[in-house]
Amino acid sequence: MRGLILLLLVMVALGGCALEPQLPATGYLPFSTFRNSIVGEDPAIEAMNAATYAFAHPAAMQGHPARMAIAIASLDAMAGQFATGARWVGMNSLARQQMLQARSAVRRTMGIAPGTSSQIVVDALVGAAQQIRRGNIAGANLALSSPGFTASPAASLQLLAHFPAVPIANHATNFASQYLYPDGGAFNGFRS
C-alpha cells in the first residue's frame, strides 16, 4: 500500500511539472553585433534602438538588408530576454507580451518556422549582416540557410532588403522602449 501511495505522489508531482508553461526561447546578440557602438553602452539598449528605429521607419530600411537583419535579430533576442530575464521583471507585462507577439509576426513575415530557437535566428541574421557588410553574398546566403529558415537564402536576402511594415513590431518596440529610459522616452535614431 505504501508503494502505491508513493507512486501516486510521484505521478501527481510529475503531472504538475507538465502543467508549467514553457518559457519563450531566448537568444543573445554577439558582442560584435553593433560595430559602431559607444564603448560601455548597454547591449540591450543598443538592440532596442536598432529594432525600434527599423520598425518605426520601414521606408528608411529599404535597400539596407544588413541593418534590417540586425533589427530583426534584436527584436527576436529582446522579446525572449524581456519575457525571461530577471532584469526585466519590473517591465510592464503587456509590453513583454507584445514583444513576443511582434517576434512571431516578424518571424512569419521572414519565413522562420515556429519553434525555431531564438539563438539560431539571432546567429543566422547577425551572421548574414556581417557577411553583407563585407560584400560576401555567398557568406550571407550560407548564414541564412540555417535550420528554421523556410525561404531560400536568396529570397531571405531579398526580403531583408525590402522588408514590409509590421505594425505590431512598430507598436511593441516603441512601447517596450519606454521602460528602458528613465524619462520614459524612446530612442529615435539608429547607428550601424
C-alpha atoms as a PDB file:
ATOM      1  CA  MET A   1       0.000   0.000   0.000  1.00  0.00           C
ATOM      2  CA  ARG A   2       2.836   2.385   0.840  1.00  0.00           C
ATOM      3  CA  GLY A   3       4.387   1.734  -2.564  1.00  0.00           C
ATOM      4  CA  LEU A   4       1.107   2.575  -4.279  1.00  0.00           C
ATOM      5  CA  ILE A   5       0.753   5.831  -2.323  1.00  0.00           C
ATOM      6  CA  LEU A   6       4.354   6.786  -3.073  1.00  0.00           C
ATOM      7  CA  LEU A   7       3.818   6.020  -6.767  1.00  0.00           C
ATOM      8  CA  LEU A   8       0.679   8.190  -6.817  1.00  0.00           C
ATOM      9  CA  LEU A   9       2.509  11.078  -5.143  1.00  0.00           C
ATOM     10  CA  VAL A  10       5.335  10.887  -7.669  1.00  0.00           C
ATOM     11  CA  MET A  11       2.847  10.817 -10.559  1.00  0.00           C
ATOM     12  CA  VAL A  12       0.990  13.849  -9.182  1.00  0.00           C
ATOM     13  CA  ALA A  13       4.266  15.740  -8.732  1.00  0.00           C
ATOM     14  CA  LEU A  14       5.405  14.930 -12.251  1.00  0.00           C
ATOM     15  CA  GLY A  15       1.991  15.802 -13.653  1.00  0.00           C
ATOM     16  CA  GLY A  16       2.252  19.247 -12.067  1.00  0.00           C
ATOM     17  CA  CYS A  17       5.548  19.831 -13.882  1.00  0.00           C
ATOM     18  CA  ALA A  18       3.846  19.212 -17.204  1.00  0.00           C
ATOM     19  CA  LEU A  19       1.360  21.992 -16.488  1.00  0.00           C
ATOM     20  CA  GLU A  20       4.008  24.688 -16.057  1.00  0.00           C
ATOM     21  CA  PRO A  21       4.169  26.968 -19.086  1.00  0.00           C
ATOM     22  CA  GLN A  22       7.252  26.687 -21.237  1.00  0.00           C
ATOM     23  CA  LEU A  23       9.396  29.808 -21.217  1.00  0.00           C
ATOM     24  CA  PRO A  24       9.897  31.577 -24.548  1.00  0.00           C
ATOM     25  CA  ALA A  25      13.135  30.892 -26.389  1.00  0.00           C
ATOM     26  CA  THR A  26      15.772  33.454 -25.511  1.00  0.00           C
ATOM     27  CA  GLY A  27      18.692  34.429 -27.707  1.00  0.00           C
ATOM     28  CA  TYR A  28      21.595  36.769 -27.102  1.00  0.00           C
ATOM     29  CA  LEU A  29      23.299  39.034 -29.594  1.00  0.00           C
ATOM     30  CA  PRO A  30      27.038  38.532 -30.061  1.00  0.00           C
ATOM     31  CA  PHE A  31      29.207  41.264 -28.551  1.00  0.00           C
ATOM     32  CA  SER A  32      30.317  42.333 -32.045  1.00  0.00           C
ATOM     33  CA  THR A  33      26.773  42.919 -33.353  1.00  0.00           C
ATOM     34  CA  PHE A  34      26.919  46.696 -33.142  1.00  0.00           C
ATOM     35  CA  ARG A  35      30.171  47.619 -34.799  1.00  0.00           C
ATOM     36  CA  ASN A  36      29.921  51.364 -34.134  1.00  0.00           C
ATOM     37  CA  SER A  37      28.530  51.206 -30.631  1.00  0.00           C
ATOM     38  CA  ILE A  38      29.693  53.512 -27.912  1.00  0.00           C
ATOM     39  CA  VAL A  39      32.129  51.802 -25.552  1.00  0.00           C
ATOM     40  CA  GLY A  40      30.243  50.774 -22.441  1.00  0.00           C
ATOM     41  CA  GLU A  41      26.796  51.195 -23.974  1.00  0.00           C
ATOM     42  CA  ASP A  42      24.278  48.680 -22.719  1.00  0.00           C
ATOM     43  CA  PRO A  43      23.755  45.994 -25.419  1.00  0.00           C
ATOM     44  CA  ALA A  44      20.045  45.779 -24.545  1.00  0.00           C
ATOM     45  CA  ILE A  45      19.629  49.499 -25.206  1.00  0.00           C
ATOM     46  CA  GLU A  46      21.577  49.217 -28.459  1.00  0.00           C
ATOM     47  CA  ALA A  47      19.411  46.285 -29.575  1.00  0.00           C
ATOM     48  CA  MET A  48      16.170  48.070 -28.758  1.00  0.00           C
ATOM     49  CA  ASN A  49      17.373  51.222 -30.506  1.00  0.00           C
ATOM     50  CA  ALA A  50      18.011  49.215 -33.676  1.00  0.00           C
ATOM     51  CA  ALA A  51      14.666  47.410 -33.557  1.00  0.00           C
ATOM     52  CA  THR A  52      12.637  50.472 -32.599  1.00  0.00           C
ATOM     53  CA  TYR A  53      14.037  52.587 -35.406  1.00  0.00           C
ATOM     54  CA  ALA A  54      13.750  49.886 -38.076  1.00  0.00           C
ATOM     55  CA  PHE A  55      10.137  49.008 -37.361  1.00  0.00           C
ATOM     56  CA  ALA A  56       9.098  52.661 -36.935  1.00  0.00           C
ATOM     57  CA  HIS A  57      10.727  53.674 -40.239  1.00  0.00           C
ATOM     58  CA  PRO A  58      10.343  50.771 -42.702  1.00  0.00           C
ATOM     59  CA  ALA A  59      10.834  53.036 -45.724  1.00  0.00           C
ATOM     60  CA  ALA A  60      14.241  54.127 -44.403  1.00  0.00           C
ATOM     61  CA  MET A  61      15.290  50.477 -44.139  1.00  0.00           C
ATOM     62  CA  GLN A  62      14.601  49.714 -47.802  1.00  0.00           C
ATOM     63  CA  GLY A  63      17.844  48.723 -49.511  1.00  0.00           C
ATOM     64  CA  HIS A  64      19.640  48.134 -46.180  1.00  0.00           C
ATOM     65  CA  PRO A  65      19.486  44.361 -45.635  1.00  0.00           C
ATOM     66  CA  ALA A  66      22.291  44.269 -43.047  1.00  0.00           C
ATOM     67  CA  ARG A  67      20.578  46.875 -40.869  1.00  0.00           C
ATOM     68  CA  MET A  68      17.249  45.074 -41.200  1.00  0.00           C
ATOM     69  CA  ALA A  69      18.831  41.747 -40.283  1.00  0.00           C
ATOM     70  CA  ILE A  70      20.270  43.305 -37.121  1.00  0.00           C
ATOM     71  CA  ALA A  71      16.906  44.869 -36.270  1.00  0.00           C
ATOM     72  CA  ILE A  72      15.086  41.546 -36.624  1.00  0.00           C
ATOM     73  CA  ALA A  73      17.761  39.740 -34.609  1.00  0.00           C
ATOM     74  CA  SER A  74      17.487  42.443 -31.947  1.00  0.00           C
ATOM     75  CA  LEU A  75      13.713  42.106 -31.729  1.00  0.00           C
ATOM     76  CA  ASP A  76      13.968  38.321 -31.552  1.00  0.00           C
ATOM     77  CA  ALA A  77      16.567  38.382 -28.781  1.00  0.00           C
ATOM     78  CA  MET A  78      14.986  41.130 -26.700  1.00  0.00           C
ATOM     79  CA  ALA A  79      11.491  39.619 -26.840  1.00  0.00           C
ATOM     80  CA  GLY A  80      12.850  36.496 -25.190  1.00  0.00           C
ATOM     81  CA  GLN A  81      15.031  38.392 -22.736  1.00  0.00           C
ATOM     82  CA  PHE A  82      12.158  40.637 -21.642  1.00  0.00           C
ATOM     83  CA  ALA A  83       9.984  37.559 -21.024  1.00  0.00           C
ATOM     84  CA  THR A  84      12.577  35.516 -19.139  1.00  0.00           C
ATOM     85  CA  GLY A  85      15.240  37.814 -17.693  1.00  0.00           C
ATOM     86  CA  ALA A  86      15.220  38.883 -14.054  1.00  0.00           C
ATOM     87  CA  ARG A  87      16.482  42.296 -15.142  1.00  0.00           C
ATOM     88  CA  TRP A  88      13.129  42.991 -16.813  1.00  0.00           C
ATOM     89  CA  VAL A  89      10.802  41.692 -14.097  1.00  0.00           C
ATOM     90  CA  GLY A  90       9.521  45.237 -13.467  1.00  0.00           C
ATOM     91  CA  MET A  91       8.670  45.822 -17.129  1.00  0.00           C
ATOM     92  CA  ASN A  92       5.012  46.177 -17.979  1.00  0.00           C
ATOM     93  CA  SER A  93       3.672  42.663 -18.660  1.00  0.00           C
ATOM     94  CA  LEU A  94       1.694  43.917 -21.669  1.00  0.00           C
ATOM     95  CA  ALA A  95       4.906  45.310 -23.201  1.00  0.00           C
ATOM     96  CA  ARG A  96       6.624  41.932 -22.719  1.00  0.00           C
ATOM     97  CA  GLN A  97       3.671  40.090 -24.274  1.00  0.00           C
ATOM     98  CA  GLN A  98       3.518  42.469 -27.240  1.00  0.00           C
ATOM     99  CA  MET A  99       7.230  41.934 -27.901  1.00  0.00           C
ATOM    100  CA  LEU A 100       6.608  38.171 -28.115  1.00  0.00           C
ATOM    101  CA  GLN A 101       3.673  38.782 -30.474  1.00  0.00           C
ATOM    102  CA  ALA A 102       5.836  41.088 -32.582  1.00  0.00           C
ATOM    103  CA  ARG A 103       8.564  38.440 -32.732  1.00  0.00           C
ATOM    104  CA  SER A 104       6.015  35.904 -34.002  1.00  0.00           C
ATOM    105  CA  ALA A 105       4.697  38.322 -36.641  1.00  0.00           C
ATOM    106  CA  VAL A 106       8.188  39.219 -37.872  1.00  0.00           C
ATOM    107  CA  ARG A 107       9.174  35.546 -37.973  1.00  0.00           C
ATOM    108  CA  ARG A 108       6.084  34.765 -40.088  1.00  0.00           C
ATOM    109  CA  THR A 109       6.978  37.606 -42.456  1.00  0.00           C
ATOM    110  CA  MET A 110      10.595  36.434 -42.634  1.00  0.00           C
ATOM    111  CA  GLY A 111       9.606  32.787 -43.175  1.00  0.00           C
ATOM    112  CA  ILE A 112      11.060  31.433 -39.946  1.00  0.00           C
ATOM    113  CA  ALA A 113       9.390  28.262 -38.726  1.00  0.00           C
ATOM    114  CA  PRO A 114       7.526  28.417 -35.403  1.00  0.00           C
ATOM    115  CA  GLY A 115       9.530  26.904 -32.582  1.00  0.00           C
ATOM    116  CA  THR A 116      12.904  27.797 -34.076  1.00  0.00           C
ATOM    117  CA  SER A 117      15.400  28.559 -31.331  1.00  0.00           C
ATOM    118  CA  SER A 118      15.914  32.277 -30.820  1.00  0.00           C
ATOM    119  CA  GLN A 119      19.676  31.762 -30.757  1.00  0.00           C
ATOM    120  CA  ILE A 120      19.553  30.102 -34.198  1.00  0.00           C
ATOM    121  CA  VAL A 121      17.567  33.065 -35.548  1.00  0.00           C
ATOM    122  CA  VAL A 122      19.896  35.620 -33.952  1.00  0.00           C
ATOM    123  CA  ASP A 123      23.076  33.869 -35.102  1.00  0.00           C
ATOM    124  CA  ALA A 124      21.813  33.472 -38.675  1.00  0.00           C
ATOM    125  CA  LEU A 125      20.706  37.089 -39.023  1.00  0.00           C
ATOM    126  CA  VAL A 126      23.769  38.614 -37.361  1.00  0.00           C
ATOM    127  CA  GLY A 127      25.999  36.340 -39.439  1.00  0.00           C
ATOM    128  CA  ALA A 128      24.195  37.386 -42.614  1.00  0.00           C
ATOM    129  CA  ALA A 129      24.520  41.081 -41.688  1.00  0.00           C
ATOM    130  CA  GLN A 130      28.245  40.721 -41.083  1.00  0.00           C
ATOM    131  CA  GLN A 131      28.721  38.987 -44.441  1.00  0.00           C
ATOM    132  CA  ILE A 132      26.611  41.579 -46.282  1.00  0.00           C
ATOM    133  CA  ARG A 133      28.762  44.359 -44.805  1.00  0.00           C
ATOM    134  CA  ARG A 134      31.850  42.576 -46.120  1.00  0.00           C
ATOM    135  CA  GLY A 135      30.272  42.242 -49.564  1.00  0.00           C
ATOM    136  CA  ASN A 136      30.223  38.453 -49.221  1.00  0.00           C
ATOM    137  CA  ILE A 137      26.803  37.483 -50.577  1.00  0.00           C
ATOM    138  CA  ALA A 138      27.734  33.784 -50.661  1.00  0.00           C
ATOM    139  CA  GLY A 139      28.542  34.010 -46.948  1.00  0.00           C
ATOM    140  CA  ALA A 140      25.238  35.778 -46.263  1.00  0.00           C
ATOM    141  CA  ASN A 141      23.395  33.045 -48.174  1.00  0.00           C
ATOM    142  CA  LEU A 142      25.188  30.411 -46.110  1.00  0.00           C
ATOM    143  CA  ALA A 143      24.197  32.148 -42.868  1.00  0.00           C
ATOM    144  CA  LEU A 144      20.555  32.301 -43.985  1.00  0.00           C
ATOM    145  CA  SER A 145      20.479  28.582 -44.815  1.00  0.00           C
ATOM    146  CA  SER A 146      20.167  27.886 -41.085  1.00  0.00           C
ATOM    147  CA  PRO A 147      17.565  25.453 -39.759  1.00  0.00           C
ATOM    148  CA  GLY A 148      14.179  27.057 -39.341  1.00  0.00           C
ATOM    149  CA  PHE A 149      14.511  29.470 -42.271  1.00  0.00           C
ATOM    150  CA  THR A 150      11.924  28.168 -44.714  1.00  0.00           C
ATOM    151  CA  ALA A 151      12.606  30.520 -47.629  1.00  0.00           C
ATOM    152  CA  SER A 152      15.640  30.147 -49.844  1.00  0.00           C
ATOM    153  CA  PRO A 153      18.648  32.211 -48.741  1.00  0.00           C
ATOM    154  CA  ALA A 154      18.313  34.379 -51.861  1.00  0.00           C
ATOM    155  CA  ALA A 155      14.650  35.054 -51.096  1.00  0.00           C
ATOM    156  CA  SER A 156      15.532  35.859 -47.476  1.00  0.00           C
ATOM    157  CA  LEU A 157      18.184  38.353 -48.609  1.00  0.00           C
ATOM    158  CA  GLN A 158      15.716  39.966 -50.986  1.00  0.00           C
ATOM    159  CA  LEU A 159      13.169  40.227 -48.189  1.00  0.00           C
ATOM    160  CA  LEU A 160      15.708  41.813 -45.840  1.00  0.00           C
ATOM    161  CA  ALA A 161      16.421  44.439 -48.498  1.00  0.00           C
ATOM    162  CA  HIS A 162      12.709  45.211 -48.912  1.00  0.00           C
ATOM    163  CA  PHE A 163      11.131  44.288 -45.592  1.00  0.00           C
ATOM    164  CA  PRO A 164       7.489  45.333 -45.311  1.00  0.00           C
ATOM    165  CA  ALA A 165       5.997  47.305 -42.454  1.00  0.00           C
ATOM    166  CA  VAL A 166       4.976  45.163 -39.478  1.00  0.00           C
ATOM    167  CA  PRO A 167       2.672  47.370 -37.377  1.00  0.00           C
ATOM    168  CA  ILE A 168       2.730  45.169 -34.262  1.00  0.00           C
ATOM    169  CA  ALA A 169       6.549  45.302 -34.272  1.00  0.00           C
ATOM    170  CA  ASN A 170       6.458  49.093 -34.524  1.00  0.00           C
ATOM    171  CA  HIS A 171       3.988  49.367 -31.662  1.00  0.00           C
ATOM    172  CA  ALA A 172       5.674  46.749 -29.456  1.00  0.00           C
ATOM    173  CA  THR A 173       9.209  48.120 -29.785  1.00  0.00           C
ATOM    174  CA  ASN A 174       8.052  51.676 -29.118  1.00  0.00           C
ATOM    175  CA  PHE A 175       6.012  50.578 -26.108  1.00  0.00           C
ATOM    176  CA  ALA A 176       8.781  48.391 -24.657  1.00  0.00           C
ATOM    177  CA  SER A 177      11.418  51.091 -25.185  1.00  0.00           C
ATOM    178  CA  GLN A 178       9.526  53.320 -22.756  1.00  0.00           C
ATOM    179  CA  TYR A 179      10.697  51.015 -19.982  1.00  0.00           C
ATOM    180  CA  LEU A 180      14.378  51.315 -20.923  1.00  0.00           C
ATOM    181  CA  TYR A 181      14.846  55.023 -20.293  1.00  0.00           C
ATOM    182  CA  PRO A 182      14.408  56.867 -17.016  1.00  0.00           C
ATOM    183  CA  ASP A 183      12.388  59.690 -18.585  1.00  0.00           C
ATOM    184  CA  GLY A 184      10.085  57.277 -20.441  1.00  0.00           C
ATOM    185  CA  GLY A 185      11.198  58.478 -23.873  1.00  0.00           C
ATOM    186  CA  ALA A 186      12.039  56.164 -26.729  1.00  0.00           C
ATOM    187  CA  PHE A 187      15.184  56.472 -28.822  1.00  0.00           C
ATOM    188  CA  ASN A 188      14.544  57.688 -32.371  1.00  0.00           C
ATOM    189  CA  GLY A 189      17.959  57.321 -34.007  1.00  0.00           C
ATOM    190  CA  PHE A 190      19.971  54.444 -35.424  1.00  0.00           C
ATOM    191  CA  ARG A 191      23.667  53.758 -35.727  1.00  0.00           C
ATOM    192  CA  SER A 192      25.111  50.913 -37.693  1.00  0.00           C
END
